[in-house]
C-alpha atoms as a PDB file:
ATOM      1  CA  MET A   1      79.387 131.490  17.887  1.00  0.00           C
ATOM      2  CA  LYS A   2      77.766 134.738  18.803  1.00  0.00           C
ATOM      3  CA  ARG A   3      78.315 137.865  16.731  1.00  0.00           C
ATOM      4  CA  SER A   4      76.998 141.360  16.580  1.00  0.00           C
ATOM      5  CA  VAL A   5      77.491 144.138  13.987  1.00  0.00           C
ATOM      6  CA  THR A   6      75.859 147.797  14.072  1.00  0.00           C
ATOM      7  CA  ALA A   7      73.388 148.500  11.613  1.00  0.00           C
ATOM      8  CA  GLY A   8      71.439 152.077  11.256  1.00  0.00           C
ATOM      9  CA  GLY A   9      73.183 152.805  14.851  1.00  0.00           C
ATOM     10  CA  GLU A  10      71.386 149.848  16.173  1.00  0.00           C
ATOM     11  CA  ARG A  11      73.396 146.946  17.762  1.00  0.00           C
ATOM     12  CA  PHE A  12      72.352 143.569  15.424  1.00  0.00           C
ATOM     13  CA  GLU A  13      73.265 140.461  17.207  1.00  0.00           C
ATOM     14  CA  TYR A  14      73.390 136.875  15.657  1.00  0.00           C
ATOM     15  CA  VAL A  15      74.529 133.174  15.908  1.00  0.00           C
ATOM     16  CA  LEU A  16      77.441 132.289  13.280  1.00  0.00           C
ATOM     17  CA  ILE A  17      77.145 128.334  12.507  1.00  0.00           C
ATOM     18  CA  ARG A  18      80.071 126.881  10.395  1.00  0.00           C
ATOM     19  CA  SER A  19      79.131 124.241   7.881  1.00  0.00           C
ATOM     20  CA  ARG A  20      80.208 122.617   4.647  1.00  0.00           C
ATOM     21  CA  ARG A  21      77.643 124.449   2.773  1.00  0.00           C
ATOM     22  CA  GLN A  22      78.809 126.640  -0.022  1.00  0.00           C
ATOM     23  CA  ASP A  23      76.446 129.908   0.291  1.00  0.00           C
ATOM     24  CA  VAL A  24      75.412 131.887   3.311  1.00  0.00           C
ATOM     25  CA  LEU A  25      71.895 131.549   4.666  1.00  0.00           C
ATOM     26  CA  LEU A  26      70.350 133.820   6.885  1.00  0.00           C
ATOM     27  CA  LYS A  27      67.612 132.583   9.336  1.00  0.00           C
ATOM     28  CA  ALA A  28      64.883 134.541  11.677  1.00  0.00           C
ATOM     29  CA  LEU A  29      63.906 132.740  14.425  1.00  0.00           C
ATOM     30  CA  PRO A  30      60.985 133.474  16.878  1.00  0.00           C
ATOM     31  CA  GLY A  31      61.931 135.485  19.849  1.00  0.00           C
ATOM     32  CA  GLY A  32      64.277 137.640  18.203  1.00  0.00           C
ATOM     33  CA  GLU A  33      67.333 135.073  17.377  1.00  0.00           C
ATOM     34  CA  THR A  34      68.877 135.206  14.382  1.00  0.00           C
ATOM     35  CA  ARG A  35      71.458 132.170  12.818  1.00  0.00           C
ATOM     36  CA  VAL A  36      74.015 132.716   9.859  1.00  0.00           C
ATOM     37  CA  TYR A  37      74.683 129.465   8.449  1.00  0.00           C
ATOM     38  CA  ALA A  38      78.239 130.202   6.443  1.00  0.00           C
ATOM     39  CA  PRO A  39      80.918 128.028   4.545  1.00  0.00           C
ATOM     40  CA  SER A  40      83.732 127.125   6.909  1.00  0.00           C
ATOM     41  CA  TRP A  41      86.264 129.206   4.426  1.00  0.00           C
ATOM     42  CA  ALA A  42      84.086 132.449   4.600  1.00  0.00           C
ATOM     43  CA  ARG A  43      85.713 135.292   6.214  1.00  0.00           C
ATOM     44  CA  ILE A  44      84.434 136.843   9.294  1.00  0.00           C
ATOM     45  CA  ARG A  45      84.433 140.274   7.969  1.00  0.00           C
ATOM     46  CA  ASP A  46      82.366 139.319   4.987  1.00  0.00           C
ATOM     47  CA  ILE A  47      79.775 137.678   7.068  1.00  0.00           C
ATOM     48  CA  ASP A  48      79.405 140.704   9.221  1.00  0.00           C
ATOM     49  CA  GLU A  49      79.396 142.870   6.286  1.00  0.00           C
ATOM     50  CA  LEU A  50      76.469 140.832   4.419  1.00  0.00           C
ATOM     51  CA  VAL A  51      74.474 140.612   8.254  1.00  0.00           C
ATOM     52  CA  ARG A  52      74.960 144.535   8.379  1.00  0.00           C
ATOM     53  CA  GLY A  53      73.569 144.986   4.877  1.00  0.00           C
ATOM     54  CA  ARG A  54      70.591 142.926   5.433  1.00  0.00           C
ATOM     55  CA  ALA A  55      69.489 143.756   8.651  1.00  0.00           C
ATOM     56  CA  GLY A  56      66.567 145.561   7.559  1.00  0.00           C
ATOM     57  CA  GLU A  57      65.503 142.395   5.749  1.00  0.00           C
ATOM     58  CA  LEU A  58      65.904 140.664   9.081  1.00  0.00           C
ATOM     59  CA  LYS A  59      63.973 143.140  11.278  1.00  0.00           C
ATOM     60  CA  ARG A  60      61.128 142.994   8.858  1.00  0.00           C
ATOM     61  CA  LEU A  61      61.119 139.077   9.097  1.00  0.00           C
ATOM     62  CA  HIS A  62      61.272 139.354  12.958  1.00  0.00           C
ATOM     63  CA  ALA A  63      58.420 141.188  13.187  1.00  0.00           C
ATOM     64  CA  GLU A  64      56.425 139.095  10.729  1.00  0.00           C
ATOM     65  CA  LEU A  65      57.280 136.189  12.569  1.00  0.00           C
ATOM     66  CA  GLU A  66      56.117 137.979  16.013  1.00  0.00           C
ATOM     67  CA  HIS A  67      52.799 138.781  14.038  1.00  0.00           C
ATOM     68  CA  ALA A  68      52.444 135.349  12.888  1.00  0.00           C
ATOM     69  CA  LEU A  69      53.254 133.824  16.455  1.00  0.00           C
ATOM     70  CA  GLU A  70      50.602 136.046  17.897  1.00  0.00           C
ATOM     71  CA  ARG A  71      48.106 135.096  15.604  1.00  0.00           C
ATOM     72  CA  SER A  72      48.622 131.218  15.723  1.00  0.00           C
ATOM     73  CA  ARG A  73      48.097 131.967  19.678  1.00  0.00           C
ATOM     74  CA  LEU A  74      44.992 133.611  18.910  1.00  0.00           C
ATOM     75  CA  ASP A  75      43.783 131.148  16.588  1.00  0.00           C
ATOM     76  CA  HIS A  76      44.702 128.039  18.774  1.00  0.00           C
ATOM     77  CA  PRO A  77      44.194 128.810  22.297  1.00  0.00           C
ATOM     78  CA  MET A  78      45.132 126.278  24.817  1.00  0.00           C
ATOM     79  CA  VAL A  79      42.329 126.406  27.368  1.00  0.00           C
ATOM     80  CA  GLU A  80      39.764 124.018  28.594  1.00  0.00           C
ATOM     81  CA  GLY A  81      38.117 122.156  25.386  1.00  0.00           C
ATOM     82  CA  SER A  82      41.156 123.157  23.010  1.00  0.00           C
ATOM     83  CA  ARG A  83      41.899 120.320  20.801  1.00  0.00           C
ATOM     84  CA  VAL A  84      45.475 118.772  20.911  1.00  0.00           C
ATOM     85  CA  CYS A  85      46.915 116.301  18.864  1.00  0.00           C
ATOM     86  CA  VAL A  86      49.111 113.353  20.130  1.00  0.00           C
ATOM     87  CA  GLU A  87      50.586 110.546  18.027  1.00  0.00           C
ATOM     88  CA  GLY A  88      48.323 111.803  15.354  1.00  0.00           C
ATOM     89  CA  LYS A  89      44.878 111.617  17.055  1.00  0.00           C
ATOM     90  CA  GLY A  90      42.902 114.510  18.354  1.00  0.00           C
ATOM     91  CA  TYR A  91      41.788 114.924  22.150  1.00  0.00           C
ATOM     92  CA  PHE A  92      39.654 117.483  23.823  1.00  0.00           C
ATOM     93  CA  LEU A  93      42.224 119.478  26.472  1.00  0.00           C
ATOM     94  CA  ARG A  94      40.931 119.131  29.941  1.00  0.00           C
ATOM     95  CA  LEU A  95      42.705 121.238  32.673  1.00  0.00           C
ATOM     96  CA  LEU A  96      42.990 120.130  36.389  1.00  0.00           C
ATOM     97  CA  ARG A  97      44.884 121.597  39.283  1.00  0.00           C
ATOM     98  CA  GLY A  98      47.858 120.049  40.968  1.00  0.00           C
ATOM     99  CA  ALA A  99      51.213 120.611  42.250  1.00  0.00           C
ATOM    100  CA  ARG A 100      52.759 118.642  39.547  1.00  0.00           C
ATOM    101  CA  VAL A 101      52.836 118.516  35.757  1.00  0.00           C
ATOM    102  CA  SER A 102      51.274 115.318  34.178  1.00  0.00           C
ATOM    103  CA  LEU A 103      49.490 114.278  31.371  1.00  0.00           C
ATOM    104  CA  GLU A 104      46.864 111.583  30.845  1.00  0.00           C
ATOM    105  CA  LEU A 105      44.856 110.491  27.643  1.00  0.00           C
ATOM    106  CA  SER A 106      41.382 108.911  28.230  1.00  0.00           C
ATOM    107  CA  GLY A 107      38.908 108.550  25.400  1.00  0.00           C
ATOM    108  CA  ASP A 108      38.857 111.420  23.759  1.00  0.00           C
ATOM    109  CA  LEU A 109      40.420 113.528  26.384  1.00  0.00           C
ATOM    110  CA  CYS A 110      43.588 114.996  27.054  1.00  0.00           C
ATOM    111  CA  GLU A 111      43.982 115.714  30.801  1.00  0.00           C
ATOM    112  CA  LEU A 112      46.662 118.053  31.789  1.00  0.00           C
ATOM    113  CA  THR A 113      47.432 118.496  35.380  1.00  0.00           C
ATOM    114  CA  LEU A 114      49.506 121.474  36.448  1.00  0.00           C
ATOM    115  CA  PRO A 115      49.797 124.154  39.229  1.00  0.00           C
ATOM    116  CA  GLU A 116      48.191 127.183  37.653  1.00  0.00           C
ATOM    117  CA  PRO A 117      45.655 125.786  34.914  1.00  0.00           C
ATOM    118  CA  GLU A 118      43.743 129.249  34.464  1.00  0.00           C
ATOM    119  CA  ASN A 119      47.262 130.656  33.079  1.00  0.00           C
ATOM    120  CA  GLU A 120      47.103 129.827  29.341  1.00  0.00           C
ATOM    121  CA  GLU A 121      51.032 130.463  29.094  1.00  0.00           C
ATOM    122  CA  ARG A 122      51.709 128.087  32.031  1.00  0.00           C
ATOM    123  CA  VAL A 123      49.403 125.374  30.148  1.00  0.00           C
ATOM    124  CA  ARG A 124      51.664 126.047  26.859  1.00  0.00           C
ATOM    125  CA  GLU A 125      54.571 125.475  29.026  1.00  0.00           C
ATOM    126  CA  ALA A 126      53.095 122.582  31.093  1.00  0.00           C
ATOM    127  CA  LEU A 127      51.846 120.806  27.673  1.00  0.00           C
ATOM    128  CA  LYS A 128      55.105 121.271  26.260  1.00  0.00           C
ATOM    129  CA  ARG A 129      56.910 119.439  28.989  1.00  0.00           C
ATOM    130  CA  ALA A 130      54.464 117.043  29.303  1.00  0.00           C
ATOM    131  CA  LEU A 131      54.839 115.972  25.710  1.00  0.00           C
ATOM    132  CA  SER A 132      58.294 116.160  25.549  1.00  0.00           C
ATOM    133  CA  ARG A 133      58.572 113.388  28.112  1.00  0.00           C
ATOM    134  CA  ARG A 134      56.299 111.252  26.233  1.00  0.00           C
ATOM    135  CA  ALA A 135      58.206 112.284  23.027  1.00  0.00           C
ATOM    136  CA  LEU A 136      61.600 110.887  24.711  1.00  0.00           C
ATOM    137  CA  GLY A 137      59.850 107.580  25.645  1.00  0.00           C
ATOM    138  CA  ARG A 138      58.441 106.925  22.392  1.00  0.00           C
ATOM    139  CA  VAL A 139      61.654 107.809  20.638  1.00  0.00           C
ATOM    140  CA  ARG A 140      63.524 105.528  22.752  1.00  0.00           C
ATOM    141  CA  GLU A 141      61.206 102.829  21.976  1.00  0.00           C
ATOM    142  CA  ARG A 142      61.434 103.142  18.449  1.00  0.00           C
ATOM    143  CA  LEU A 143      65.229 103.455  18.514  1.00  0.00           C
ATOM    144  CA  GLU A 144      65.539  99.961  20.156  1.00  0.00           C
ATOM    145  CA  TYR A 145      63.471  98.795  17.568  1.00  0.00           C
ATOM    146  CA  TYR A 146      64.923 100.007  14.675  1.00  0.00           C
ATOM    147  CA  ALA A 147      68.807 100.348  15.538  1.00  0.00           C
ATOM    148  CA  PRO A 148      69.331  96.053  15.885  1.00  0.00           C
ATOM    149  CA  ARG A 149      67.607  95.985  12.331  1.00  0.00           C
ATOM    150  CA  LEU A 150      70.085  98.347  10.934  1.00  0.00           C
ATOM    151  CA  GLY A 151      73.012  97.159  12.696  1.00  0.00           C
ATOM    152  CA  VAL A 152      73.875 100.147  14.431  1.00  0.00           C
ATOM    153  CA  GLU A 153      74.419 101.650  18.232  1.00  0.00           C
ATOM    154  CA  PHE A 154      73.696 105.086  19.083  1.00  0.00           C
ATOM    155  CA  GLY A 155      75.130 107.459  22.067  1.00  0.00           C
ATOM    156  CA  ARG A 156      73.246 109.896  23.977  1.00  0.00           C
ATOM    157  CA  VAL A 157      69.361 110.729  23.195  1.00  0.00           C
ATOM    158  CA  ALA A 158      67.562 114.099  24.037  1.00  0.00           C
ATOM    159  CA  ILE A 159      64.759 115.660  22.927  1.00  0.00           C
ATOM    160  CA  ARG A 160      64.774 119.480  22.020  1.00  0.00           C
ATOM    161  CA  ASP A 161      63.075 122.416  21.255  1.00  0.00           C
ATOM    162  CA  GLN A 162      64.728 122.522  17.547  1.00  0.00           C
ATOM    163  CA  ARG A 163      63.193 125.431  15.587  1.00  0.00           C
ATOM    164  CA  SER A 164      63.956 124.206  12.103  1.00  0.00           C
ATOM    165  CA  ARG A 165      65.090 120.588  12.472  1.00  0.00           C
ATOM    166  CA  TRP A 166      63.052 117.385  13.240  1.00  0.00           C
ATOM    167  CA  GLY A 167      66.318 115.404  13.765  1.00  0.00           C
ATOM    168  CA  SER A 168      69.990 115.350  14.359  1.00  0.00           C
ATOM    169  CA  CYS A 169      73.046 113.311  15.080  1.00  0.00           C
ATOM    170  CA  SER A 170      76.616 114.218  16.153  1.00  0.00           C
ATOM    171  CA  SER A 171      79.951 112.534  15.528  1.00  0.00           C
ATOM    172  CA  LYS A 172      79.776 111.354  18.831  1.00  0.00           C
ATOM    173  CA  ARG A 173      76.756 108.967  17.734  1.00  0.00           C
ATOM    174  CA  ASN A 174      74.217 111.116  19.982  1.00  0.00           C
ATOM    175  CA  LEU A 175      70.804 111.855  18.723  1.00  0.00           C
ATOM    176  CA  ASN A 176      68.581 114.818  18.966  1.00  0.00           C
ATOM    177  CA  PHE A 177      64.963 114.796  18.423  1.00  0.00           C
ATOM    178  CA  ASN A 178      62.103 117.584  18.217  1.00  0.00           C
ATOM    179  CA  TRP A 179      59.288 117.343  20.771  1.00  0.00           C
ATOM    180  CA  LYS A 180      56.773 118.085  18.525  1.00  0.00           C
ATOM    181  CA  LEU A 181      57.163 114.865  16.470  1.00  0.00           C
ATOM    182  CA  ILE A 182      55.025 113.267  19.203  1.00  0.00           C
ATOM    183  CA  MET A 183      51.732 115.260  17.866  1.00  0.00           C
ATOM    184  CA  ALA A 184      52.396 113.870  14.358  1.00  0.00           C
ATOM    185  CA  PRO A 185      51.009 110.379  13.347  1.00  0.00           C
ATOM    186  CA  PRO A 186      53.528 107.464  14.568  1.00  0.00           C
ATOM    187  CA  GLU A 187      55.078 106.937  11.324  1.00  0.00           C
ATOM    188  CA  VAL A 188      56.286 110.239  10.912  1.00  0.00           C
ATOM    189  CA  LEU A 189      58.463 109.707  14.228  1.00  0.00           C
ATOM    190  CA  ASP A 190      59.183 106.296  12.911  1.00  0.00           C
ATOM    191  CA  TYR A 191      60.731 108.499   9.660  1.00  0.00           C
ATOM    192  CA  VAL A 192      62.720 110.798  11.737  1.00  0.00           C
ATOM    193  CA  VAL A 193      64.029 108.076  13.936  1.00  0.00           C
ATOM    194  CA  VAL A 194      65.069 105.605  10.863  1.00  0.00           C
ATOM    195  CA  HIS A 195      66.500 108.847   8.937  1.00  0.00           C
ATOM    196  CA  GLU A 196      69.142 109.812  11.950  1.00  0.00           C
ATOM    197  CA  LEU A 197      70.165 105.943  12.572  1.00  0.00           C
ATOM    198  CA  CYS A 198      70.784 105.784   8.706  1.00  0.00           C
ATOM    199  CA  HIS A 199      73.140 108.808   9.319  1.00  0.00           C
ATOM    200  CA  LEU A 200      75.061 106.834  11.641  1.00  0.00           C
ATOM    201  CA  ILE A 201      75.864 104.378   8.613  1.00  0.00           C
ATOM    202  CA  GLU A 202      75.899 107.191   5.731  1.00  0.00           C
ATOM    203  CA  PHE A 203      76.698 110.989   7.050  1.00  0.00           C
ATOM    204  CA  ASN A 204      74.953 112.286   3.921  1.00  0.00           C
ATOM    205  CA  HIS A 205      72.004 112.104   1.506  1.00  0.00           C
ATOM    206  CA  SER A 206      73.186 109.987  -1.038  1.00  0.00           C
ATOM    207  CA  PRO A 207      71.600 107.269  -3.217  1.00  0.00           C
ATOM    208  CA  ARG A 208      72.654 104.837  -0.610  1.00  0.00           C
ATOM    209  CA  PHE A 209      71.524 106.812   2.461  1.00  0.00           C
ATOM    210  CA  TRP A 210      67.991 106.856   0.999  1.00  0.00           C
ATOM    211  CA  ARG A 211      68.236 103.129   0.006  1.00  0.00           C
ATOM    212  CA  LEU A 212      68.875 102.520   3.745  1.00  0.00           C
ATOM    213  CA  VAL A 213      66.067 104.343   4.910  1.00  0.00           C
ATOM    214  CA  GLU A 214      63.651 102.876   2.432  1.00  0.00           C
ATOM    215  CA  GLY A 215      64.705  99.409   3.412  1.00  0.00           C
ATOM    216  CA  GLN A 216      63.602  99.887   6.857  1.00  0.00           C
ATOM    217  CA  LEU A 217      60.227 102.293   5.694  1.00  0.00           C
ATOM    218  CA  PRO A 218      59.408 101.536   2.137  1.00  0.00           C
ATOM    219  CA  GLU A 219      56.752 104.276   2.339  1.00  0.00           C
ATOM    220  CA  TYR A 220      59.003 106.875   3.685  1.00  0.00           C
ATOM    221  CA  GLU A 221      58.569 109.409   0.860  1.00  0.00           C
ATOM    222  CA  TYR A 222      54.754 109.766   1.673  1.00  0.00           C
ATOM    223  CA  TRP A 223      55.903 110.800   5.572  1.00  0.00           C
ATOM    224  CA  LYS A 224      58.537 112.521   4.453  1.00  0.00           C
ATOM    225  CA  ARG A 225      56.258 114.758   2.244  1.00  0.00           C
ATOM    226  CA  TRP A 226      53.626 115.064   4.904  1.00  0.00           C
ATOM    227  CA  LEU A 227      56.334 116.283   7.756  1.00  0.00           C
ATOM    228  CA  LYS A 228      57.410 118.955   5.100  1.00  0.00           C
ATOM    229  CA  GLU A 229      53.724 119.682   4.299  1.00  0.00           C
ATOM    230  CA  HIS A 230      52.112 119.600   7.570  1.00  0.00           C
ATOM    231  CA  GLY A 231      54.992 120.114  10.294  1.00  0.00           C
ATOM    232  CA  GLY A 232      54.443 123.653  10.492  1.00  0.00           C
ATOM    233  CA  GLU A 233      51.424 122.955  12.256  1.00  0.00           C
ATOM    234  CA  LEU A 234      52.837 120.907  14.985  1.00  0.00           C
ATOM    235  CA  GLY A 235      53.223 122.486  18.434  1.00  0.00           C
ATOM    236  CA  VAL A 236      51.327 124.835  21.055  1.00  0.00           C
ATOM    237  CA  GLY A 237      51.789 128.021  19.200  1.00  0.00           C
ATOM    238  CA  ALA A 238      55.044 127.813  17.128  1.00  0.00           C
ATOM    239  CA  VAL A 239      55.234 129.220  13.794  1.00  0.00           C
ATOM    240  CA  ALA A 240      57.948 128.436  11.131  1.00  0.00           C
ATOM    241  CA  THR A 241      61.364 130.333  10.495  1.00  0.00           C
ATOM    242  CA  GLY A 242      61.959 133.037   8.151  1.00  0.00           C
ATOM    243  CA  ASN A 243      64.993 132.723   5.817  1.00  0.00           C
ATOM    244  CA  SER A 244      66.886 135.691   4.126  1.00  0.00           C
END
């Protein structure tokens, strides 16, 4: 649900997401988006007032995120010869001109074909699109491997540009995965796939849930920790969110 409040004479927009949580979380995302996660019982006017009172803090977080994003782009350019990580392995980026976006891995080269290889922003967009396609194929492959082992069936599978989540599942058994997982070691993608499949059995993080995960990936804690420590390094210029 989209909402807006007026703070200091300026309009401040945010997206309200209701959940079972017991407190309110304000999250600043790159691009100027603000999300507010609130308990289902919280009153709209109270949430509006909270956002209004912390609008200045949220503006500061957005400014810091934009600065960090620009710093990341400067520190990690996407040009000929840049380093790109695919499934945990580093490659040198080679840019080729062509009418359609495609990606080929050959030796230590990641060959990206796109219409405007001289435009760095287009390179980032094309690389993201190509890696997203690769991620979908790899995710489907691992789902087909682990789902029978867990005795579960799943619905639609989609690759998303999720800012703060690596995977999610719905009550209709549809599964979403973050495209950046294709840049991590394969075991990390396996961990997220197993994690979401186990949620089709246990829709929580109870001890039984973690036993299900461990049954498929005995070393899951290592890859869970890897993702927490290195997840912010994945992507083609993305930065973490800011919480308030």
